[in-house]
Amino acid sequence: MFRYLKLVRIQNLLFIAAIQYMIRQFVIAPLLETSGVIVYESFFHIGLLIAASMLIAAGGYIINDYFDIKIDTLNKPDKVIVGKSIDKRTTMLLYQLCTFGGIAIGLFLSWHVKSLMAAFIFLVVPGLLWFYSASYKRQLIIGNAVIAFLSALSVLIVLFTELEHLRTQASVILNPVVYSNLFAWVGGFALFSFLLTWIREIIKDMEDVYGDREMECRTLPIIWGIKATKIISIALISITMAVLLFINFVYIDFEGTLTLRYILLGLILPFAWVIYLLIKAKQPDEYHRISNLIKFIMLIGLLYAPIFYFLLARETGLILFNFFTVS
């Protein structure tokens, strides 16, 4: 059983589930509530969305390992699963079960909320994951961009399905200000996810440069070199830090300094540590540790969602968790 959980990256799937749940419960629902929209505490739609997302993502991880047998044998021979602990035929069967199961659940959700956009997303994403594993990931920039885009989409689709449900099932028409506020906040989390995923994918390319070069991949470290790739990574990290501070000072108007302290201590300081480690890094295991640290920073950033809920409740008098008020 452990090898199957490892194949589908169970920790990453749980991460996706947690992100989507938090975005819905701690960002979208409170913002709708403060706008006078009655939000029904039903887990049916978000449960379907999470199930579909987890299954499609699991299929993506499986097919990625299937196509990467040779590269993984060179880069991390002790961690290869496909062809060793799980044979190729079983791997492909698992891929089909996860992917088509995810598509089926996604299409059912799309039908239920009457959303053609959601249906389109659930049909296109598995194709992108297939082509990413088969081709895109070996091409300059394209592979990194695809995964970063899908990471952001996993956040945005929570809002898409929620709005379609309100429009078609509850006949709720939101005014433009509410729409703008929702897309600003959820879009902010999606942008953060996009940037962090892109940075992490570039760092993973530096970790896997040996096997990628042997298989004639055209990733950034191979085409432009490790030094240039480090500069690009540091530039992206610096841009991310600047964006976070800009958003805090220009757009976030909660009373107090909790958000600023959260950004400085939870994100900026770890980013500075990443830059330091990145400058010094030379070995694959060092890049691997940096990659894990980036994932941790992503988690910290997305955990701002419950902080946002707390601050919004304090500002507007919302009943926190339907249980108590914050003064």
C-alpha atoms as a PDB file:
ATOM      1  CA  MET A   1       0.000   0.000   0.000  1.00  0.00           C
ATOM      2  CA  PHE A   2       2.808   2.433   0.865  1.00  0.00           C
ATOM      3  CA  ARG A   3       4.278   2.214  -2.635  1.00  0.00           C
ATOM      4  CA  TYR A   4       0.943   3.207  -4.181  1.00  0.00           C
ATOM      5  CA  LEU A   5       0.605   6.191  -1.839  1.00  0.00           C
ATOM      6  CA  LYS A   6       4.154   7.180  -2.735  1.00  0.00           C
ATOM      7  CA  LEU A   7       3.398   6.846  -6.445  1.00  0.00           C
ATOM      8  CA  VAL A   8       0.452   9.265  -6.270  1.00  0.00           C
ATOM      9  CA  ARG A   9       2.343  11.663  -3.922  1.00  0.00           C
ATOM     10  CA  ILE A  10      -0.297  11.407  -1.199  1.00  0.00           C
ATOM     11  CA  GLN A  11       1.204  14.345   0.725  1.00  0.00           C
ATOM     12  CA  ASN A  12       0.787  16.596  -2.323  1.00  0.00           C
ATOM     13  CA  LEU A  13      -2.788  15.418  -2.846  1.00  0.00           C
ATOM     14  CA  LEU A  14      -3.641  16.264   0.767  1.00  0.00           C
ATOM     15  CA  PHE A  15      -1.991  19.645   0.209  1.00  0.00           C
ATOM     16  CA  ILE A  16      -4.285  20.299  -2.775  1.00  0.00           C
ATOM     17  CA  ALA A  17      -7.332  19.262  -0.747  1.00  0.00           C
ATOM     18  CA  ALA A  18      -6.371  21.530   2.156  1.00  0.00           C
ATOM     19  CA  ILE A  19      -5.775  24.515  -0.137  1.00  0.00           C
ATOM     20  CA  GLN A  20      -9.113  24.176  -1.921  1.00  0.00           C
ATOM     21  CA  TYR A  21     -11.009  23.676   1.323  1.00  0.00           C
ATOM     22  CA  MET A  22      -9.371  26.704   2.975  1.00  0.00           C
ATOM     23  CA  ILE A  23      -9.964  28.944  -0.044  1.00  0.00           C
ATOM     24  CA  ARG A  24     -13.647  28.066  -0.020  1.00  0.00           C
ATOM     25  CA  GLN A  25     -14.254  28.154   3.751  1.00  0.00           C
ATOM     26  CA  PHE A  26     -11.895  30.934   4.859  1.00  0.00           C
ATOM     27  CA  VAL A  27     -11.876  33.303   1.869  1.00  0.00           C
ATOM     28  CA  ILE A  28     -14.827  32.869  -0.502  1.00  0.00           C
ATOM     29  CA  ALA A  29     -17.568  32.041   2.021  1.00  0.00           C
ATOM     30  CA  PRO A  30     -16.709  34.890   4.458  1.00  0.00           C
ATOM     31  CA  LEU A  31     -16.472  37.450   1.631  1.00  0.00           C
ATOM     32  CA  LEU A  32     -19.871  36.367   0.312  1.00  0.00           C
ATOM     33  CA  GLU A  33     -21.320  36.503   3.812  1.00  0.00           C
ATOM     34  CA  THR A  34     -20.138  40.075   4.362  1.00  0.00           C
ATOM     35  CA  SER A  35     -21.849  40.970   1.069  1.00  0.00           C
ATOM     36  CA  GLY A  36     -25.188  39.683   2.326  1.00  0.00           C
ATOM     37  CA  VAL A  37     -25.134  36.383   0.441  1.00  0.00           C
ATOM     38  CA  ILE A  38     -26.401  33.391   2.391  1.00  0.00           C
ATOM     39  CA  VAL A  39     -23.737  30.687   2.151  1.00  0.00           C
ATOM     40  CA  TYR A  40     -25.018  27.178   2.735  1.00  0.00           C
ATOM     41  CA  GLU A  41     -22.623  25.029   4.724  1.00  0.00           C
ATOM     42  CA  SER A  42     -22.841  22.108   2.328  1.00  0.00           C
ATOM     43  CA  PHE A  43     -19.687  20.133   1.616  1.00  0.00           C
ATOM     44  CA  PHE A  44     -21.225  18.469  -1.436  1.00  0.00           C
ATOM     45  CA  HIS A  45     -19.755  20.760  -4.094  1.00  0.00           C
ATOM     46  CA  ILE A  46     -16.393  21.389  -2.480  1.00  0.00           C
ATOM     47  CA  GLY A  47     -16.166  17.663  -1.719  1.00  0.00           C
ATOM     48  CA  LEU A  48     -16.735  16.788  -5.378  1.00  0.00           C
ATOM     49  CA  LEU A  49     -14.218  19.425  -6.469  1.00  0.00           C
ATOM     50  CA  ILE A  50     -11.573  18.153  -4.064  1.00  0.00           C
ATOM     51  CA  ALA A  51     -12.170  14.529  -5.094  1.00  0.00           C
ATOM     52  CA  ALA A  52     -11.922  15.376  -8.807  1.00  0.00           C
ATOM     53  CA  SER A  53      -8.806  17.504  -8.297  1.00  0.00           C
ATOM     54  CA  MET A  54      -7.060  14.852  -6.197  1.00  0.00           C
ATOM     55  CA  LEU A  55      -7.796  12.058  -8.676  1.00  0.00           C
ATOM     56  CA  ILE A  56      -6.689  14.069 -11.720  1.00  0.00           C
ATOM     57  CA  ALA A  57      -3.541  15.208  -9.896  1.00  0.00           C
ATOM     58  CA  ALA A  58      -2.837  11.606  -8.846  1.00  0.00           C
ATOM     59  CA  GLY A  59      -3.131  10.573 -12.488  1.00  0.00           C
ATOM     60  CA  GLY A  60      -0.691  13.329 -13.382  1.00  0.00           C
ATOM     61  CA  TYR A  61       1.883  12.102 -10.876  1.00  0.00           C
ATOM     62  CA  ILE A  62       1.470   8.513 -12.067  1.00  0.00           C
ATOM     63  CA  ILE A  63       1.920   9.285 -15.767  1.00  0.00           C
ATOM     64  CA  ASN A  64       4.866  11.553 -14.957  1.00  0.00           C
ATOM     65  CA  ASP A  65       6.660   8.677 -13.235  1.00  0.00           C
ATOM     66  CA  TYR A  66       5.712   6.377 -16.123  1.00  0.00           C
ATOM     67  CA  PHE A  67       7.402   8.624 -18.693  1.00  0.00           C
ATOM     68  CA  ASP A  68      10.318   9.472 -16.386  1.00  0.00           C
ATOM     69  CA  ILE A  69      11.602   5.950 -15.691  1.00  0.00           C
ATOM     70  CA  LYS A  70      14.931   6.503 -17.479  1.00  0.00           C
ATOM     71  CA  ILE A  71      15.519   9.994 -16.078  1.00  0.00           C
ATOM     72  CA  ASP A  72      14.611   8.930 -12.526  1.00  0.00           C
ATOM     73  CA  THR A  73      16.895   5.895 -12.816  1.00  0.00           C
ATOM     74  CA  LEU A  74      19.774   8.307 -13.465  1.00  0.00           C
ATOM     75  CA  ASN A  75      18.803  11.025 -10.962  1.00  0.00           C
ATOM     76  CA  LYS A  76      17.394   9.019  -8.052  1.00  0.00           C
ATOM     77  CA  PRO A  77      17.677   5.257  -8.685  1.00  0.00           C
ATOM     78  CA  ASP A  78      16.724   4.377  -5.105  1.00  0.00           C
ATOM     79  CA  LYS A  79      13.358   6.164  -5.438  1.00  0.00           C
ATOM     80  CA  VAL A  80      12.140   4.632  -8.707  1.00  0.00           C
ATOM     81  CA  ILE A  81       8.762   2.921  -8.276  1.00  0.00           C
ATOM     82  CA  VAL A  82       7.459   2.262 -11.801  1.00  0.00           C
ATOM     83  CA  GLY A  83       9.044  -0.844 -13.283  1.00  0.00           C
ATOM     84  CA  LYS A  84      10.339  -1.960  -9.888  1.00  0.00           C
ATOM     85  CA  SER A  85       7.815  -2.169  -7.055  1.00  0.00           C
ATOM     86  CA  ILE A  86       4.883  -1.512  -9.433  1.00  0.00           C
ATOM     87  CA  ASP A  87       4.958  -2.888 -12.986  1.00  0.00           C
ATOM     88  CA  LYS A  88       4.233  -0.682 -16.010  1.00  0.00           C
ATOM     89  CA  ARG A  89       0.915  -2.310 -16.871  1.00  0.00           C
ATOM     90  CA  THR A  90      -0.455  -1.780 -13.362  1.00  0.00           C
ATOM     91  CA  THR A  91       0.862   1.782 -13.421  1.00  0.00           C
ATOM     92  CA  MET A  92      -1.018   2.572 -16.633  1.00  0.00           C
ATOM     93  CA  LEU A  93      -4.199   0.990 -15.250  1.00  0.00           C
ATOM     94  CA  LEU A  94      -3.935   3.131 -12.113  1.00  0.00           C
ATOM     95  CA  TYR A  95      -3.416   6.203 -14.282  1.00  0.00           C
ATOM     96  CA  GLN A  96      -6.562   5.459 -16.271  1.00  0.00           C
ATOM     97  CA  LEU A  97      -8.638   4.786 -13.148  1.00  0.00           C
ATOM     98  CA  CYS A  98      -7.527   7.987 -11.417  1.00  0.00           C
ATOM     99  CA  THR A  99      -7.757  10.223 -14.477  1.00  0.00           C
ATOM    100  CA  PHE A 100     -11.092   9.036 -15.827  1.00  0.00           C
ATOM    101  CA  GLY A 101     -12.506   8.864 -12.298  1.00  0.00           C
ATOM    102  CA  GLY A 102     -11.466  12.474 -11.746  1.00  0.00           C
ATOM    103  CA  ILE A 103     -12.905  13.568 -15.102  1.00  0.00           C
ATOM    104  CA  ALA A 104     -16.209  11.802 -14.356  1.00  0.00           C
ATOM    105  CA  ILE A 105     -16.560  13.474 -10.950  1.00  0.00           C
ATOM    106  CA  GLY A 106     -15.521  16.824 -12.423  1.00  0.00           C
ATOM    107  CA  LEU A 107     -18.078  16.588 -15.236  1.00  0.00           C
ATOM    108  CA  PHE A 108     -20.791  15.606 -12.752  1.00  0.00           C
ATOM    109  CA  LEU A 109     -19.932  18.672 -10.662  1.00  0.00           C
ATOM    110  CA  SER A 110     -19.916  20.845 -13.802  1.00  0.00           C
ATOM    111  CA  TRP A 111     -23.346  19.526 -14.793  1.00  0.00           C
ATOM    112  CA  HIS A 112     -24.685  20.093 -11.288  1.00  0.00           C
ATOM    113  CA  VAL A 113     -23.572  23.742 -11.181  1.00  0.00           C
ATOM    114  CA  LYS A 114     -24.334  24.216 -14.918  1.00  0.00           C
ATOM    115  CA  SER A 115     -20.795  25.381 -15.738  1.00  0.00           C
ATOM    116  CA  LEU A 116     -19.340  24.819 -19.209  1.00  0.00           C
ATOM    117  CA  MET A 117     -16.117  26.489 -18.068  1.00  0.00           C
ATOM    118  CA  ALA A 118     -15.635  23.956 -15.271  1.00  0.00           C
ATOM    119  CA  ALA A 119     -16.366  21.079 -17.680  1.00  0.00           C
ATOM    120  CA  PHE A 120     -13.805  22.470 -20.117  1.00  0.00           C
ATOM    121  CA  ILE A 121     -11.202  22.688 -17.336  1.00  0.00           C
ATOM    122  CA  PHE A 122     -11.791  19.118 -16.172  1.00  0.00           C
ATOM    123  CA  LEU A 123     -11.397  17.871 -19.748  1.00  0.00           C
ATOM    124  CA  VAL A 124      -8.327  19.935 -20.642  1.00  0.00           C
ATOM    125  CA  VAL A 125      -6.231  19.577 -17.467  1.00  0.00           C
ATOM    126  CA  PRO A 126      -5.640  15.792 -17.809  1.00  0.00           C
ATOM    127  CA  GLY A 127      -4.488  16.393 -21.382  1.00  0.00           C
ATOM    128  CA  LEU A 128      -2.067  19.083 -20.241  1.00  0.00           C
ATOM    129  CA  LEU A 129      -0.686  16.730 -17.588  1.00  0.00           C
ATOM    130  CA  TRP A 130      -0.198  13.985 -20.189  1.00  0.00           C
ATOM    131  CA  PHE A 131       1.604  16.258 -22.655  1.00  0.00           C
ATOM    132  CA  TYR A 132       3.616  17.788 -19.818  1.00  0.00           C
ATOM    133  CA  SER A 133       4.932  14.361 -18.828  1.00  0.00           C
ATOM    134  CA  ALA A 134       5.462  13.216 -22.415  1.00  0.00           C
ATOM    135  CA  SER A 135       6.980  16.380 -23.848  1.00  0.00           C
ATOM    136  CA  TYR A 136       6.498  19.795 -22.252  1.00  0.00           C
ATOM    137  CA  LYS A 137       8.666  19.163 -19.181  1.00  0.00           C
ATOM    138  CA  ARG A 138      11.667  18.534 -21.438  1.00  0.00           C
ATOM    139  CA  GLN A 139      11.247  21.881 -23.200  1.00  0.00           C
ATOM    140  CA  LEU A 140      12.631  25.259 -22.206  1.00  0.00           C
ATOM    141  CA  ILE A 141      10.286  27.144 -19.828  1.00  0.00           C
ATOM    142  CA  ILE A 142       7.080  25.529 -21.196  1.00  0.00           C
ATOM    143  CA  GLY A 143       7.039  22.678 -18.677  1.00  0.00           C
ATOM    144  CA  ASN A 144       7.577  25.003 -15.711  1.00  0.00           C
ATOM    145  CA  ALA A 145       4.875  27.367 -16.978  1.00  0.00           C
ATOM    146  CA  VAL A 146       2.318  24.566 -17.432  1.00  0.00           C
ATOM    147  CA  ILE A 147       2.721  23.247 -13.882  1.00  0.00           C
ATOM    148  CA  ALA A 148       2.685  26.767 -12.406  1.00  0.00           C
ATOM    149  CA  PHE A 149      -0.496  27.536 -14.363  1.00  0.00           C
ATOM    150  CA  LEU A 150      -2.195  24.339 -13.174  1.00  0.00           C
ATOM    151  CA  SER A 151      -1.217  25.126  -9.591  1.00  0.00           C
ATOM    152  CA  ALA A 152      -2.897  28.529  -9.855  1.00  0.00           C
ATOM    153  CA  LEU A 153      -5.901  26.978 -11.604  1.00  0.00           C
ATOM    154  CA  SER A 154      -6.437  24.572  -8.692  1.00  0.00           C
ATOM    155  CA  VAL A 155      -7.101  27.677  -6.572  1.00  0.00           C
ATOM    156  CA  LEU A 156      -9.168  29.641  -9.103  1.00  0.00           C
ATOM    157  CA  ILE A 157     -11.493  26.750  -9.949  1.00  0.00           C
ATOM    158  CA  VAL A 158     -12.823  26.850  -6.384  1.00  0.00           C
ATOM    159  CA  LEU A 159     -14.149  30.344  -7.090  1.00  0.00           C
ATOM    160  CA  PHE A 160     -15.417  29.456 -10.584  1.00  0.00           C
ATOM    161  CA  THR A 161     -17.549  26.565  -9.329  1.00  0.00           C
ATOM    162  CA  GLU A 162     -18.819  28.503  -6.297  1.00  0.00           C
ATOM    163  CA  LEU A 163     -19.956  31.454  -8.416  1.00  0.00           C
ATOM    164  CA  GLU A 164     -21.613  29.187 -10.987  1.00  0.00           C
ATOM    165  CA  HIS A 165     -23.428  27.365  -8.195  1.00  0.00           C
ATOM    166  CA  LEU A 166     -24.710  30.655  -6.768  1.00  0.00           C
ATOM    167  CA  ARG A 167     -25.807  31.863 -10.203  1.00  0.00           C
ATOM    168  CA  THR A 168     -27.584  28.721 -11.398  1.00  0.00           C
ATOM    169  CA  GLN A 169     -28.803  27.035  -8.215  1.00  0.00           C
ATOM    170  CA  ALA A 170     -29.442  29.941  -5.849  1.00  0.00           C
ATOM    171  CA  SER A 171     -30.218  32.617  -8.504  1.00  0.00           C
ATOM    172  CA  VAL A 172     -27.770  34.994  -6.827  1.00  0.00           C
ATOM    173  CA  ILE A 173     -26.545  37.918  -8.919  1.00  0.00           C
ATOM    174  CA  LEU A 174     -23.515  39.590  -7.367  1.00  0.00           C
ATOM    175  CA  ASN A 175     -22.712  43.235  -7.956  1.00  0.00           C
ATOM    176  CA  PRO A 176     -19.407  44.097  -9.682  1.00  0.00           C
ATOM    177  CA  VAL A 177     -17.755  45.244  -6.442  1.00  0.00           C
ATOM    178  CA  VAL A 178     -18.295  41.842  -4.825  1.00  0.00           C
ATOM    179  CA  TYR A 179     -17.007  40.079  -7.944  1.00  0.00           C
ATOM    180  CA  SER A 180     -13.951  42.300  -7.969  1.00  0.00           C
ATOM    181  CA  ASN A 181     -13.258  41.660  -4.290  1.00  0.00           C
ATOM    182  CA  LEU A 182     -13.600  37.896  -4.684  1.00  0.00           C
ATOM    183  CA  PHE A 183     -11.335  37.729  -7.721  1.00  0.00           C
ATOM    184  CA  ALA A 184      -8.797  40.042  -6.091  1.00  0.00           C
ATOM    185  CA  TRP A 185      -8.390  37.868  -3.008  1.00  0.00           C
ATOM    186  CA  VAL A 186      -8.640  34.445  -4.633  1.00  0.00           C
ATOM    187  CA  GLY A 187      -6.529  35.698  -7.538  1.00  0.00           C
ATOM    188  CA  GLY A 188      -3.911  36.828  -5.031  1.00  0.00           C
ATOM    189  CA  PHE A 189      -3.652  33.336  -3.576  1.00  0.00           C
ATOM    190  CA  ALA A 190      -3.553  31.897  -7.107  1.00  0.00           C
ATOM    191  CA  LEU A 191      -0.746  34.276  -8.114  1.00  0.00           C
ATOM    192  CA  PHE A 192       1.238  33.289  -5.027  1.00  0.00           C
ATOM    193  CA  SER A 193       0.751  29.616  -5.878  1.00  0.00           C
ATOM    194  CA  PHE A 194       1.799  30.287  -9.494  1.00  0.00           C
ATOM    195  CA  LEU A 195       5.030  32.080  -8.559  1.00  0.00           C
ATOM    196  CA  LEU A 196       6.061  29.614  -5.842  1.00  0.00           C
ATOM    197  CA  THR A 197       5.362  26.621  -8.070  1.00  0.00           C
ATOM    198  CA  TRP A 198       7.382  28.145 -10.924  1.00  0.00           C
ATOM    199  CA  ILE A 199      10.317  28.842  -8.601  1.00  0.00           C
ATOM    200  CA  ARG A 200      10.162  25.323  -7.191  1.00  0.00           C
ATOM    201  CA  GLU A 201      10.014  23.723 -10.637  1.00  0.00           C
ATOM    202  CA  ILE A 202      13.130  25.638 -11.711  1.00  0.00           C
ATOM    203  CA  ILE A 203      14.969  24.518  -8.581  1.00  0.00           C
ATOM    204  CA  LYS A 204      13.897  20.916  -9.218  1.00  0.00           C
ATOM    205  CA  ASP A 205      15.368  21.235 -12.719  1.00  0.00           C
ATOM    206  CA  MET A 206      18.708  22.136 -11.125  1.00  0.00           C
ATOM    207  CA  GLU A 207      18.390  19.107  -8.857  1.00  0.00           C
ATOM    208  CA  ASP A 208      17.710  16.790 -11.823  1.00  0.00           C
ATOM    209  CA  VAL A 209      20.185  18.314 -14.263  1.00  0.00           C
ATOM    210  CA  TYR A 210      22.334  15.167 -14.611  1.00  0.00           C
ATOM    211  CA  GLY A 211      19.563  12.845 -15.783  1.00  0.00           C
ATOM    212  CA  ASP A 212      17.885  15.582 -17.821  1.00  0.00           C
ATOM    213  CA  ARG A 213      21.119  16.252 -19.708  1.00  0.00           C
ATOM    214  CA  GLU A 214      21.591  12.552 -20.445  1.00  0.00           C
ATOM    215  CA  MET A 215      18.056  12.409 -21.860  1.00  0.00           C
ATOM    216  CA  GLU A 216      18.640  15.573 -23.932  1.00  0.00           C
ATOM    217  CA  CYS A 217      16.066  17.708 -22.128  1.00  0.00           C
ATOM    218  CA  ARG A 218      16.056  21.459 -22.757  1.00  0.00           C
ATOM    219  CA  THR A 219      15.520  22.810 -19.244  1.00  0.00           C
ATOM    220  CA  LEU A 220      16.870  26.148 -18.002  1.00  0.00           C
ATOM    221  CA  PRO A 221      19.970  24.732 -16.228  1.00  0.00           C
ATOM    222  CA  ILE A 222      20.962  22.785 -19.353  1.00  0.00           C
ATOM    223  CA  ILE A 223      20.388  25.564 -21.901  1.00  0.00           C
ATOM    224  CA  TRP A 224      21.482  28.605 -19.872  1.00  0.00           C
ATOM    225  CA  GLY A 225      23.611  26.983 -17.175  1.00  0.00           C
ATOM    226  CA  ILE A 226      23.301  26.657 -13.402  1.00  0.00           C
ATOM    227  CA  LYS A 227      24.605  30.159 -12.660  1.00  0.00           C
ATOM    228  CA  ALA A 228      22.070  31.886 -14.918  1.00  0.00           C
ATOM    229  CA  THR A 229      19.287  29.666 -13.572  1.00  0.00           C
ATOM    230  CA  LYS A 230      20.179  30.661 -10.018  1.00  0.00           C
ATOM    231  CA  ILE A 231      19.996  34.328 -11.003  1.00  0.00           C
ATOM    232  CA  ILE A 232      16.564  33.783 -12.569  1.00  0.00           C
ATOM    233  CA  SER A 233      15.350  31.934  -9.462  1.00  0.00           C
ATOM    234  CA  ILE A 234      16.596  34.679  -7.143  1.00  0.00           C
ATOM    235  CA  ALA A 235      14.975  37.305  -9.385  1.00  0.00           C
ATOM    236  CA  LEU A 236      11.629  35.481  -9.209  1.00  0.00           C
ATOM    237  CA  ILE A 237      11.920  35.171  -5.423  1.00  0.00           C
ATOM    238  CA  SER A 238      12.714  38.886  -5.159  1.00  0.00           C
ATOM    239  CA  ILE A 239       9.725  39.744  -7.364  1.00  0.00           C
ATOM    240  CA  THR A 240       7.504  37.578  -5.160  1.00  0.00           C
ATOM    241  CA  MET A 241       8.722  39.340  -2.012  1.00  0.00           C
ATOM    242  CA  ALA A 242       8.170  42.746  -3.620  1.00  0.00           C
ATOM    243  CA  VAL A 243       4.648  41.784  -4.727  1.00  0.00           C
ATOM    244  CA  LEU A 244       3.773  40.581  -1.211  1.00  0.00           C
ATOM    245  CA  LEU A 245       4.929  43.829   0.378  1.00  0.00           C
ATOM    246  CA  PHE A 246       3.245  45.930  -2.325  1.00  0.00           C
ATOM    247  CA  ILE A 247      -0.085  44.160  -1.820  1.00  0.00           C
ATOM    248  CA  ASN A 248       0.191  44.552   1.955  1.00  0.00           C
ATOM    249  CA  PHE A 249       0.849  48.297   1.868  1.00  0.00           C
ATOM    250  CA  VAL A 250      -1.429  49.217  -1.058  1.00  0.00           C
ATOM    251  CA  TYR A 251      -4.411  46.844  -0.953  1.00  0.00           C
ATOM    252  CA  ILE A 252      -4.720  45.261   2.500  1.00  0.00           C
ATOM    253  CA  ASP A 253      -6.394  47.679   4.897  1.00  0.00           C
ATOM    254  CA  PHE A 254      -7.079  45.575   7.979  1.00  0.00           C
ATOM    255  CA  GLU A 255      -6.377  47.313  11.277  1.00  0.00           C
ATOM    256  CA  GLY A 256      -3.149  46.405  13.039  1.00  0.00           C
ATOM    257  CA  THR A 257       0.058  44.862  11.762  1.00  0.00           C
ATOM    258  CA  LEU A 258      -0.763  41.154  11.930  1.00  0.00           C
ATOM    259  CA  THR A 259      -0.639  40.733   8.138  1.00  0.00           C
ATOM    260  CA  LEU A 260       2.665  42.592   7.832  1.00  0.00           C
ATOM    261  CA  ARG A 261       4.220  40.551  10.636  1.00  0.00           C
ATOM    262  CA  TYR A 262       2.942  37.344   9.055  1.00  0.00           C
ATOM    263  CA  ILE A 263       4.470  38.299   5.699  1.00  0.00           C
ATOM    264  CA  LEU A 264       7.803  39.384   7.179  1.00  0.00           C
ATOM    265  CA  LEU A 265       8.307  36.477   9.589  1.00  0.00           C
ATOM    266  CA  GLY A 266       6.488  33.719   7.715  1.00  0.00           C
ATOM    267  CA  LEU A 267       7.477  34.530   4.136  1.00  0.00           C
ATOM    268  CA  ILE A 268      10.160  37.196   3.665  1.00  0.00           C
ATOM    269  CA  LEU A 269      12.634  35.728   6.180  1.00  0.00           C
ATOM    270  CA  PRO A 270      12.303  32.163   4.793  1.00  0.00           C
ATOM    271  CA  PHE A 271      12.681  33.576   1.263  1.00  0.00           C
ATOM    272  CA  ALA A 272      15.897  35.307   2.328  1.00  0.00           C
ATOM    273  CA  TRP A 273      17.138  31.981   3.705  1.00  0.00           C
ATOM    274  CA  VAL A 274      16.258  30.283   0.403  1.00  0.00           C
ATOM    275  CA  ILE A 275      18.301  32.865  -1.504  1.00  0.00           C
ATOM    276  CA  TYR A 276      21.276  32.255   0.792  1.00  0.00           C
ATOM    277  CA  LEU A 277      21.010  28.468   0.396  1.00  0.00           C
ATOM    278  CA  LEU A 278      20.550  28.813  -3.360  1.00  0.00           C
ATOM    279  CA  ILE A 279      23.716  30.873  -3.735  1.00  0.00           C
ATOM    280  CA  LYS A 280      25.706  28.218  -1.869  1.00  0.00           C
ATOM    281  CA  ALA A 281      24.036  25.120  -3.386  1.00  0.00           C
ATOM    282  CA  LYS A 282      26.072  22.818  -5.619  1.00  0.00           C
ATOM    283  CA  GLN A 283      24.835  19.265  -5.028  1.00  0.00           C
ATOM    284  CA  PRO A 284      21.461  17.696  -5.946  1.00  0.00           C
ATOM    285  CA  ASP A 285      20.596  17.025  -2.292  1.00  0.00           C
ATOM    286  CA  GLU A 286      21.073  20.741  -1.527  1.00  0.00           C
ATOM    287  CA  TYR A 287      18.643  21.709  -4.290  1.00  0.00           C
ATOM    288  CA  HIS A 288      16.244  19.066  -2.984  1.00  0.00           C
ATOM    289  CA  ARG A 289      16.253  20.668   0.480  1.00  0.00           C
ATOM    290  CA  ILE A 290      15.643  24.084  -1.068  1.00  0.00           C
ATOM    291  CA  SER A 291      12.739  22.642  -3.068  1.00  0.00           C
ATOM    292  CA  ASN A 292      11.181  21.293   0.128  1.00  0.00           C
ATOM    293  CA  LEU A 293      11.672  24.660   1.825  1.00  0.00           C
ATOM    294  CA  ILE A 294       9.849  26.364  -1.060  1.00  0.00           C
ATOM    295  CA  LYS A 295       6.949  23.943  -0.572  1.00  0.00           C
ATOM    296  CA  PHE A 296       6.907  24.824   3.134  1.00  0.00           C
ATOM    297  CA  ILE A 297       6.833  28.559   2.304  1.00  0.00           C
ATOM    298  CA  MET A 298       3.942  27.906  -0.077  1.00  0.00           C
ATOM    299  CA  LEU A 299       2.061  26.229   2.766  1.00  0.00           C
ATOM    300  CA  ILE A 300       2.760  29.162   5.093  1.00  0.00           C
ATOM    301  CA  GLY A 301       1.526  31.592   2.454  1.00  0.00           C
ATOM    302  CA  LEU A 302      -1.696  29.705   1.841  1.00  0.00           C
ATOM    303  CA  LEU A 303      -2.260  29.390   5.592  1.00  0.00           C
ATOM    304  CA  TYR A 304      -2.889  33.127   5.513  1.00  0.00           C
ATOM    305  CA  ALA A 305      -6.440  32.131   4.493  1.00  0.00           C
ATOM    306  CA  PRO A 306      -7.575  31.436   8.105  1.00  0.00           C
ATOM    307  CA  ILE A 307      -5.709  34.590   9.208  1.00  0.00           C
ATOM    308  CA  PHE A 308      -7.695  36.520   6.593  1.00  0.00           C
ATOM    309  CA  TYR A 309     -10.906  34.976   7.933  1.00  0.00           C
ATOM    310  CA  PHE A 310     -10.015  36.057  11.466  1.00  0.00           C
ATOM    311  CA  LEU A 311      -9.186  39.625  10.397  1.00  0.00           C
ATOM    312  CA  LEU A 312     -12.326  39.918   8.259  1.00  0.00           C
ATOM    313  CA  ALA A 313     -14.459  38.646  11.145  1.00  0.00           C
ATOM    314  CA  ARG A 314     -12.881  41.191  13.478  1.00  0.00           C
ATOM    315  CA  GLU A 315     -13.500  44.032  11.014  1.00  0.00           C
ATOM    316  CA  THR A 316     -17.056  43.141  10.005  1.00  0.00           C
ATOM    317  CA  GLY A 317     -18.467  41.349  13.053  1.00  0.00           C
ATOM    318  CA  LEU A 318     -18.783  37.971  11.341  1.00  0.00           C
ATOM    319  CA  ILE A 319     -19.427  35.063  13.661  1.00  0.00           C
ATOM    320  CA  LEU A 320     -16.206  33.081  13.460  1.00  0.00           C
ATOM    321  CA  PHE A 321     -16.834  29.407  12.593  1.00  0.00           C
ATOM    322  CA  ASN A 322     -20.511  30.134  13.395  1.00  0.00           C
ATOM    323  CA  PHE A 323     -19.509  29.974  17.036  1.00  0.00           C
ATOM    324  CA  PHE A 324     -18.054  33.232  18.410  1.00  0.00           C
ATOM    325  CA  THR A 325     -17.331  36.829  17.491  1.00  0.00           C
ATOM    326  CA  VAL A 326     -13.947  38.550  17.476  1.00  0.00           C
ATOM    327  CA  SER A 327     -13.499  41.948  19.056  1.00  0.00           C
END
